[in-house]
N, C-alpha and C. Protein backbone atom coordinates (compact mmCIF):
# COMPACT_ATOMS: atom_id res chain seq x y z
N MET A 1 145.06 66.05 136.54
CA MET A 1 143.71 66.21 137.06
C MET A 1 143.69 67.03 138.35
N LYS A 2 144.84 67.18 139.00
CA LYS A 2 144.89 67.90 140.27
C LYS A 2 144.27 69.29 140.16
N HIS A 3 144.55 69.98 139.07
CA HIS A 3 144.01 71.33 138.87
C HIS A 3 142.48 71.33 138.92
N TYR A 4 141.86 70.27 138.46
CA TYR A 4 140.40 70.18 138.42
C TYR A 4 139.79 69.68 139.73
N LEU A 5 140.64 69.55 140.75
CA LEU A 5 140.18 69.18 142.09
C LEU A 5 140.46 70.28 143.12
N ASP A 6 141.19 71.31 142.70
CA ASP A 6 141.61 72.37 143.62
C ASP A 6 140.44 73.23 144.10
N SER A 7 140.63 73.78 145.29
CA SER A 7 139.74 74.82 145.80
C SER A 7 140.34 76.16 145.37
N SER A 8 139.49 77.14 145.15
CA SER A 8 139.97 78.46 144.73
C SER A 8 139.08 79.54 145.36
N GLU A 9 139.36 80.77 145.01
CA GLU A 9 138.56 81.87 145.56
C GLU A 9 137.07 81.70 145.25
N TYR A 10 136.74 81.28 144.04
CA TYR A 10 135.34 81.18 143.63
C TYR A 10 134.79 79.77 143.70
N ILE A 11 135.64 78.79 143.58
CA ILE A 11 135.22 77.39 143.73
C ILE A 11 135.75 76.94 145.10
N ASP A 12 135.16 77.51 146.13
CA ASP A 12 135.64 77.33 147.51
C ASP A 12 135.00 76.11 148.17
N TRP A 13 135.37 74.94 147.65
CA TRP A 13 134.74 73.71 148.15
C TRP A 13 135.17 73.38 149.58
N ASN A 14 136.21 74.02 150.09
CA ASN A 14 136.62 73.76 151.47
C ASN A 14 135.82 74.58 152.49
N HIS A 15 134.87 75.39 152.03
CA HIS A 15 133.97 76.12 152.94
C HIS A 15 133.11 75.08 153.68
N PRO A 16 132.92 75.23 154.99
CA PRO A 16 132.19 74.21 155.76
C PRO A 16 130.79 73.89 155.23
N LEU A 17 130.05 74.88 154.76
CA LEU A 17 128.70 74.61 154.26
C LEU A 17 128.73 73.84 152.94
N VAL A 18 129.71 74.15 152.09
CA VAL A 18 129.85 73.43 150.82
C VAL A 18 130.27 71.99 151.10
N LEU A 19 131.21 71.81 152.01
CA LEU A 19 131.63 70.45 152.37
C LEU A 19 130.48 69.63 152.93
N ALA A 20 129.67 70.24 153.78
CA ALA A 20 128.52 69.54 154.36
C ALA A 20 127.51 69.14 153.29
N LYS A 21 127.20 70.04 152.36
CA LYS A 21 126.25 69.74 151.30
C LYS A 21 126.82 68.66 150.37
N ALA A 22 128.10 68.74 150.07
CA ALA A 22 128.73 67.72 149.21
C ALA A 22 128.65 66.34 149.87
N ALA A 23 128.91 66.29 151.17
CA ALA A 23 128.83 65.01 151.89
C ALA A 23 127.40 64.48 151.90
N GLU A 24 126.45 65.36 152.10
CA GLU A 24 125.03 64.97 152.10
C GLU A 24 124.64 64.38 150.74
N LEU A 25 125.09 64.99 149.66
CA LEU A 25 124.74 64.53 148.32
C LEU A 25 125.42 63.21 147.96
N ALA A 26 126.50 62.87 148.68
CA ALA A 26 127.23 61.63 148.40
C ALA A 26 126.92 60.51 149.38
N GLU A 27 125.93 60.70 150.25
CA GLU A 27 125.59 59.66 151.23
C GLU A 27 125.20 58.35 150.56
N SER A 28 125.31 57.28 151.28
CA SER A 28 124.85 55.96 150.87
C SER A 28 125.80 55.25 149.91
N GLY A 29 127.07 55.64 149.86
CA GLY A 29 128.04 54.93 149.05
C GLY A 29 127.71 54.87 147.58
N LEU A 30 127.26 55.96 147.02
CA LEU A 30 126.88 56.01 145.61
C LEU A 30 128.09 55.94 144.70
N SER A 31 127.87 55.55 143.45
CA SER A 31 128.93 55.56 142.44
C SER A 31 129.27 57.01 142.08
N ASP A 32 130.42 57.19 141.42
CA ASP A 32 130.80 58.54 140.98
C ASP A 32 129.74 59.16 140.08
N ASP A 33 129.20 58.35 139.14
CA ASP A 33 128.16 58.87 138.25
C ASP A 33 126.93 59.32 139.03
N ALA A 34 126.53 58.53 140.03
CA ALA A 34 125.35 58.86 140.83
C ALA A 34 125.59 60.12 141.67
N ILE A 35 126.80 60.26 142.21
CA ILE A 35 127.12 61.47 142.98
C ILE A 35 127.10 62.69 142.07
N ALA A 36 127.69 62.56 140.89
CA ALA A 36 127.70 63.68 139.94
C ALA A 36 126.28 64.08 139.57
N LYS A 37 125.42 63.09 139.35
CA LYS A 37 124.03 63.38 138.99
C LYS A 37 123.31 64.08 140.14
N ARG A 38 123.51 63.62 141.37
CA ARG A 38 122.86 64.26 142.52
C ARG A 38 123.33 65.70 142.71
N CYS A 39 124.63 65.94 142.53
CA CYS A 39 125.16 67.31 142.63
C CYS A 39 124.55 68.18 141.54
N PHE A 40 124.54 67.68 140.31
CA PHE A 40 123.96 68.41 139.18
C PHE A 40 122.50 68.75 139.43
N GLU A 41 121.71 67.76 139.81
CA GLU A 41 120.27 67.99 140.01
C GLU A 41 120.01 68.92 141.18
N PHE A 42 120.83 68.85 142.23
CA PHE A 42 120.65 69.78 143.34
C PHE A 42 120.85 71.23 142.86
N VAL A 43 121.94 71.49 142.16
CA VAL A 43 122.20 72.86 141.71
C VAL A 43 121.16 73.29 140.68
N ARG A 44 120.85 72.42 139.72
CA ARG A 44 119.88 72.78 138.69
C ARG A 44 118.51 73.09 139.29
N ASP A 45 118.05 72.26 140.24
CA ASP A 45 116.67 72.34 140.72
C ASP A 45 116.48 73.13 142.02
N SER A 46 117.51 73.24 142.84
CA SER A 46 117.34 73.88 144.15
C SER A 46 117.92 75.28 144.23
N ILE A 47 118.83 75.61 143.34
CA ILE A 47 119.41 76.95 143.32
C ILE A 47 118.73 77.73 142.20
N LYS A 48 118.09 78.82 142.56
CA LYS A 48 117.31 79.59 141.59
C LYS A 48 118.22 80.44 140.69
N HIS A 49 117.92 80.46 139.41
CA HIS A 49 118.67 81.31 138.48
C HIS A 49 118.24 82.76 138.73
N SER A 50 119.20 83.60 139.04
CA SER A 50 118.92 84.99 139.45
C SER A 50 118.06 85.75 138.46
N TRP A 51 118.29 85.55 137.16
CA TRP A 51 117.52 86.28 136.15
C TRP A 51 116.08 85.78 136.10
N ASP A 52 115.90 84.46 136.11
CA ASP A 52 114.56 83.89 136.03
C ASP A 52 113.68 84.32 137.19
N TYR A 53 114.27 84.41 138.39
CA TYR A 53 113.50 84.70 139.59
C TYR A 53 113.66 86.15 140.06
N ARG A 54 114.45 86.94 139.31
CA ARG A 54 114.70 88.35 139.67
C ARG A 54 115.15 88.45 141.12
N MET A 55 116.18 87.66 141.46
CA MET A 55 116.65 87.58 142.84
C MET A 55 118.00 88.27 143.02
N ASN A 56 118.19 88.78 144.21
CA ASN A 56 119.46 89.33 144.67
C ASN A 56 119.83 88.59 145.94
N PRO A 57 121.05 88.63 146.38
CA PRO A 57 122.15 89.38 145.82
C PRO A 57 122.75 88.67 144.61
N VAL A 58 123.61 89.38 143.88
CA VAL A 58 124.36 88.76 142.80
C VAL A 58 125.51 88.01 143.47
N THR A 59 125.51 86.70 143.32
CA THR A 59 126.50 85.84 143.96
C THR A 59 127.57 85.43 142.95
N CYS A 60 128.70 84.98 143.47
CA CYS A 60 129.76 84.50 142.58
C CYS A 60 130.47 83.28 143.18
N LYS A 61 130.91 83.39 144.44
CA LYS A 61 131.58 82.27 145.11
C LYS A 61 130.59 81.13 145.32
N ALA A 62 131.08 79.91 145.22
CA ALA A 62 130.23 78.73 145.43
C ALA A 62 129.51 78.81 146.78
N SER A 63 130.22 79.19 147.82
CA SER A 63 129.60 79.25 149.16
C SER A 63 128.49 80.30 149.21
N GLU A 64 128.67 81.43 148.52
CA GLU A 64 127.63 82.46 148.49
C GLU A 64 126.39 81.96 147.77
N VAL A 65 126.59 81.25 146.68
CA VAL A 65 125.47 80.69 145.92
C VAL A 65 124.68 79.74 146.80
N LEU A 66 125.38 78.89 147.53
CA LEU A 66 124.71 77.94 148.43
C LEU A 66 123.98 78.66 149.55
N ILE A 67 124.60 79.64 150.16
CA ILE A 67 124.00 80.37 151.28
C ILE A 67 122.74 81.11 150.85
N HIS A 68 122.80 81.80 149.71
CA HIS A 68 121.68 82.64 149.26
C HIS A 68 120.69 81.89 148.37
N GLY A 69 121.06 80.70 147.87
CA GLY A 69 120.14 79.91 147.06
C GLY A 69 119.84 80.48 145.69
N THR A 70 120.74 81.33 145.20
CA THR A 70 120.53 81.95 143.89
C THR A 70 121.86 82.26 143.23
N GLY A 71 121.84 82.32 141.90
CA GLY A 71 123.03 82.70 141.15
C GLY A 71 122.74 82.68 139.66
N TYR A 72 123.49 83.48 138.93
CA TYR A 72 123.45 83.40 137.47
C TYR A 72 124.15 82.11 137.05
N CYS A 73 124.09 81.77 135.78
CA CYS A 73 124.65 80.52 135.28
C CYS A 73 126.09 80.31 135.73
N TYR A 74 126.93 81.34 135.62
CA TYR A 74 128.33 81.17 135.97
C TYR A 74 128.49 80.90 137.47
N ALA A 75 127.69 81.54 138.30
CA ALA A 75 127.77 81.32 139.74
C ALA A 75 127.29 79.90 140.08
N LYS A 76 126.23 79.46 139.43
CA LYS A 76 125.75 78.09 139.65
C LYS A 76 126.81 77.08 139.22
N SER A 77 127.56 77.40 138.15
CA SER A 77 128.62 76.49 137.72
C SER A 77 129.76 76.46 138.74
N HIS A 78 130.01 77.55 139.44
CA HIS A 78 131.02 77.56 140.50
C HIS A 78 130.59 76.62 141.63
N LEU A 79 129.31 76.68 142.02
CA LEU A 79 128.83 75.79 143.07
C LEU A 79 128.88 74.34 142.63
N LEU A 80 128.45 74.05 141.41
CA LEU A 80 128.48 72.66 140.95
C LEU A 80 129.91 72.13 140.92
N ALA A 81 130.85 72.92 140.42
CA ALA A 81 132.25 72.50 140.42
C ALA A 81 132.74 72.24 141.84
N ALA A 82 132.35 73.10 142.78
CA ALA A 82 132.78 72.93 144.17
C ALA A 82 132.22 71.64 144.77
N LEU A 83 130.95 71.36 144.55
CA LEU A 83 130.34 70.14 145.09
C LEU A 83 130.99 68.89 144.49
N LEU A 84 131.25 68.93 143.19
CA LEU A 84 131.90 67.79 142.53
C LEU A 84 133.32 67.60 143.06
N ARG A 85 134.09 68.68 143.11
CA ARG A 85 135.48 68.59 143.59
C ARG A 85 135.55 68.15 145.04
N ALA A 86 134.62 68.60 145.87
CA ALA A 86 134.59 68.17 147.27
C ALA A 86 134.37 66.67 147.38
N ASN A 87 133.78 66.07 146.36
CA ASN A 87 133.57 64.63 146.31
C ASN A 87 134.62 63.93 145.45
N ALA A 88 135.77 64.60 145.24
CA ALA A 88 136.91 64.05 144.50
C ALA A 88 136.60 63.73 143.05
N LEU A 89 135.64 64.47 142.46
CA LEU A 89 135.32 64.32 141.05
C LEU A 89 135.90 65.53 140.31
N PRO A 90 136.85 65.33 139.40
CA PRO A 90 137.43 66.46 138.67
C PRO A 90 136.34 67.22 137.91
N ALA A 91 136.37 68.55 138.04
CA ALA A 91 135.35 69.38 137.39
C ALA A 91 135.98 70.68 136.93
N GLY A 92 135.53 71.15 135.77
CA GLY A 92 136.02 72.40 135.21
C GLY A 92 134.87 73.30 134.80
N LEU A 93 135.23 74.49 134.36
CA LEU A 93 134.25 75.47 133.90
C LEU A 93 134.29 75.53 132.38
N CYS A 94 133.12 75.67 131.77
CA CYS A 94 132.99 75.79 130.32
C CYS A 94 132.13 77.02 130.03
N TYR A 95 132.25 77.53 128.81
CA TYR A 95 131.48 78.71 128.44
C TYR A 95 130.95 78.55 127.02
N GLN A 96 129.78 79.13 126.77
CA GLN A 96 129.19 79.18 125.44
C GLN A 96 128.91 80.64 125.11
N ARG A 97 129.18 81.02 123.89
CA ARG A 97 128.77 82.34 123.41
C ARG A 97 127.41 82.16 122.76
N LEU A 98 126.42 82.84 123.30
CA LEU A 98 125.04 82.72 122.82
C LEU A 98 124.56 84.04 122.24
N THR A 99 123.68 83.95 121.27
CA THR A 99 123.03 85.16 120.77
C THR A 99 121.91 85.52 121.73
N VAL A 100 121.67 86.79 121.88
CA VAL A 100 120.64 87.24 122.80
C VAL A 100 119.25 87.17 122.15
N GLU A 101 119.14 87.59 120.90
CA GLU A 101 117.82 87.63 120.27
C GLU A 101 117.76 86.93 118.93
N THR A 102 118.81 87.02 118.12
CA THR A 102 118.78 86.48 116.76
C THR A 102 120.02 85.63 116.53
N ASP A 103 120.38 85.45 115.25
CA ASP A 103 121.56 84.67 114.92
C ASP A 103 122.84 85.48 114.90
N GLY A 104 122.80 86.71 115.37
CA GLY A 104 123.99 87.55 115.39
C GLY A 104 124.07 88.34 116.67
N PRO A 105 124.89 89.39 116.68
CA PRO A 105 125.02 90.20 117.89
C PRO A 105 123.69 90.82 118.29
N PRO A 106 123.48 91.16 119.54
CA PRO A 106 124.43 91.07 120.63
C PRO A 106 124.54 89.63 121.16
N TYR A 107 125.67 89.36 121.80
CA TYR A 107 125.95 88.05 122.36
C TYR A 107 126.00 88.13 123.89
N CYS A 108 125.86 86.97 124.52
CA CYS A 108 126.09 86.87 125.96
C CYS A 108 126.95 85.64 126.20
N LEU A 109 127.53 85.57 127.38
CA LEU A 109 128.38 84.44 127.75
C LEU A 109 127.62 83.59 128.76
N HIS A 110 127.56 82.29 128.50
CA HIS A 110 126.84 81.35 129.35
C HIS A 110 127.83 80.39 130.00
N GLY A 111 127.70 80.20 131.32
CA GLY A 111 128.60 79.31 132.05
C GLY A 111 127.98 77.95 132.34
N LEU A 112 128.77 76.90 132.19
CA LEU A 112 128.36 75.53 132.50
C LEU A 112 129.58 74.77 132.97
N ASN A 113 129.50 73.45 133.09
CA ASN A 113 130.59 72.65 133.64
C ASN A 113 130.94 71.47 132.76
N ALA A 114 132.10 70.90 133.06
CA ALA A 114 132.48 69.58 132.58
C ALA A 114 132.95 68.81 133.81
N VAL A 115 132.56 67.55 133.89
CA VAL A 115 132.99 66.67 134.97
C VAL A 115 133.67 65.46 134.34
N TYR A 116 134.71 64.97 134.97
CA TYR A 116 135.39 63.79 134.45
C TYR A 116 134.77 62.56 135.11
N LEU A 117 134.15 61.73 134.28
CA LEU A 117 133.55 60.48 134.74
C LEU A 117 134.40 59.34 134.18
N LYS A 118 134.86 58.45 135.04
CA LYS A 118 135.77 57.37 134.63
C LYS A 118 135.24 56.59 133.43
N GLN A 119 133.98 56.32 133.41
CA GLN A 119 133.38 55.51 132.34
C GLN A 119 133.21 56.28 131.03
N HIS A 120 133.11 57.60 131.10
CA HIS A 120 132.76 58.39 129.92
C HIS A 120 133.79 59.44 129.53
N GLY A 121 134.74 59.75 130.39
CA GLY A 121 135.68 60.85 130.14
C GLY A 121 135.02 62.18 130.50
N TRP A 122 135.48 63.26 129.88
CA TRP A 122 134.92 64.58 130.17
C TRP A 122 133.51 64.66 129.60
N TYR A 123 132.60 65.11 130.45
CA TYR A 123 131.18 65.16 130.10
C TYR A 123 130.64 66.53 130.52
N ARG A 124 130.09 67.27 129.57
CA ARG A 124 129.56 68.61 129.88
C ARG A 124 128.16 68.52 130.47
N ILE A 125 127.93 69.34 131.51
CA ILE A 125 126.63 69.41 132.17
C ILE A 125 126.30 70.88 132.41
N ASP A 126 125.01 71.19 132.37
CA ASP A 126 124.55 72.58 132.47
C ASP A 126 123.45 72.68 133.51
N ALA A 127 123.82 73.18 134.69
CA ALA A 127 122.88 73.27 135.81
C ALA A 127 122.18 74.63 135.87
N ARG A 128 122.06 75.31 134.75
CA ARG A 128 121.45 76.63 134.68
C ARG A 128 120.08 76.68 135.34
N GLY A 129 119.30 75.64 135.12
CA GLY A 129 117.93 75.58 135.63
C GLY A 129 116.97 75.46 134.47
N ASN A 130 116.10 74.49 134.54
CA ASN A 130 115.13 74.27 133.47
C ASN A 130 113.97 75.24 133.59
N LYS A 131 113.39 75.54 132.43
CA LYS A 131 112.21 76.39 132.32
C LYS A 131 111.63 76.11 130.95
N PRO A 132 110.47 76.64 130.61
CA PRO A 132 109.94 76.40 129.26
C PRO A 132 110.97 76.78 128.19
N GLY A 133 111.27 75.83 127.32
CA GLY A 133 112.23 76.05 126.25
C GLY A 133 113.68 75.77 126.62
N VAL A 134 113.95 75.48 127.89
CA VAL A 134 115.30 75.18 128.37
C VAL A 134 115.24 73.92 129.21
N VAL A 135 115.82 72.84 128.69
CA VAL A 135 115.80 71.57 129.41
C VAL A 135 117.19 70.95 129.35
N ALA A 136 117.84 70.85 130.49
CA ALA A 136 119.15 70.22 130.61
C ALA A 136 119.01 68.99 131.49
N GLU A 137 119.68 67.91 131.12
CA GLU A 137 119.60 66.66 131.86
C GLU A 137 120.99 66.07 132.06
N PHE A 138 121.09 65.12 132.98
CA PHE A 138 122.31 64.35 133.20
C PHE A 138 122.05 62.96 132.66
N SER A 139 122.61 62.65 131.50
CA SER A 139 122.37 61.33 130.88
C SER A 139 123.58 60.90 130.05
N PRO A 140 124.74 60.70 130.73
CA PRO A 140 125.93 60.31 129.99
C PRO A 140 125.73 59.01 129.22
N PRO A 141 126.31 58.89 128.06
CA PRO A 141 127.31 59.79 127.48
C PRO A 141 126.69 60.90 126.62
N ILE A 142 125.37 60.97 126.53
CA ILE A 142 124.70 61.97 125.70
C ILE A 142 124.59 63.28 126.47
N GLU A 143 125.08 64.36 125.87
CA GLU A 143 124.98 65.67 126.50
C GLU A 143 123.62 66.28 126.20
N LYS A 144 122.96 66.75 127.24
CA LYS A 144 121.68 67.45 127.09
C LYS A 144 121.81 68.80 127.79
N LEU A 145 122.44 69.74 127.08
CA LEU A 145 122.71 71.07 127.61
C LEU A 145 121.51 71.98 127.46
N ALA A 146 121.50 73.05 128.23
CA ALA A 146 120.39 74.00 128.18
C ALA A 146 120.29 74.67 126.82
N PHE A 147 121.43 74.93 126.18
CA PHE A 147 121.44 75.63 124.89
C PHE A 147 122.34 74.87 123.92
N GLN A 148 121.94 74.86 122.64
CA GLN A 148 122.74 74.19 121.60
C GLN A 148 124.03 74.94 121.35
C-alpha cells in the first residue's frame, strides 16, 4: 500500500496548501470513510471542470488544481488522490475509455480514482463534477461513477 500513499510530481500532497486543505477536510476526528467522502465532495463540487466552465489555466499538479480551482478530470483526480494520501488513505488513479459521440470512435480518456477503504476494499470514485446527465456520488460499497 505504500505506493498508494506516496507523494509524486503530480500528486504532490506534501505541498503546504494541499496539506492544509487535507487537514481541514479531516477535522473533528472523522472516520476514514467520512474523510474520503469530504475529500471527494470538495473536489467534485468546489473545483470546476475546465471544459464545463471554459477555464484556464490547464492544470495538472494537485497543488495547481487547488490554487487555480480548476482542472480537467485527470487533474481533479490528482488533487483527490493527494488529499486522500495526505490523510493516510491509499489512493490510486483509474482511467476509462469513453466514446465522444457514439458507440465507436473517436474515443477520449477519462480520469478518476480508487481509494482503499478498510470496510469495503478498493472503491472507485469520480470527482469529475456533476452536471445534467452526469451524476457521481460517494456511497460505498455501490459505485456511482460519472460515466458507465
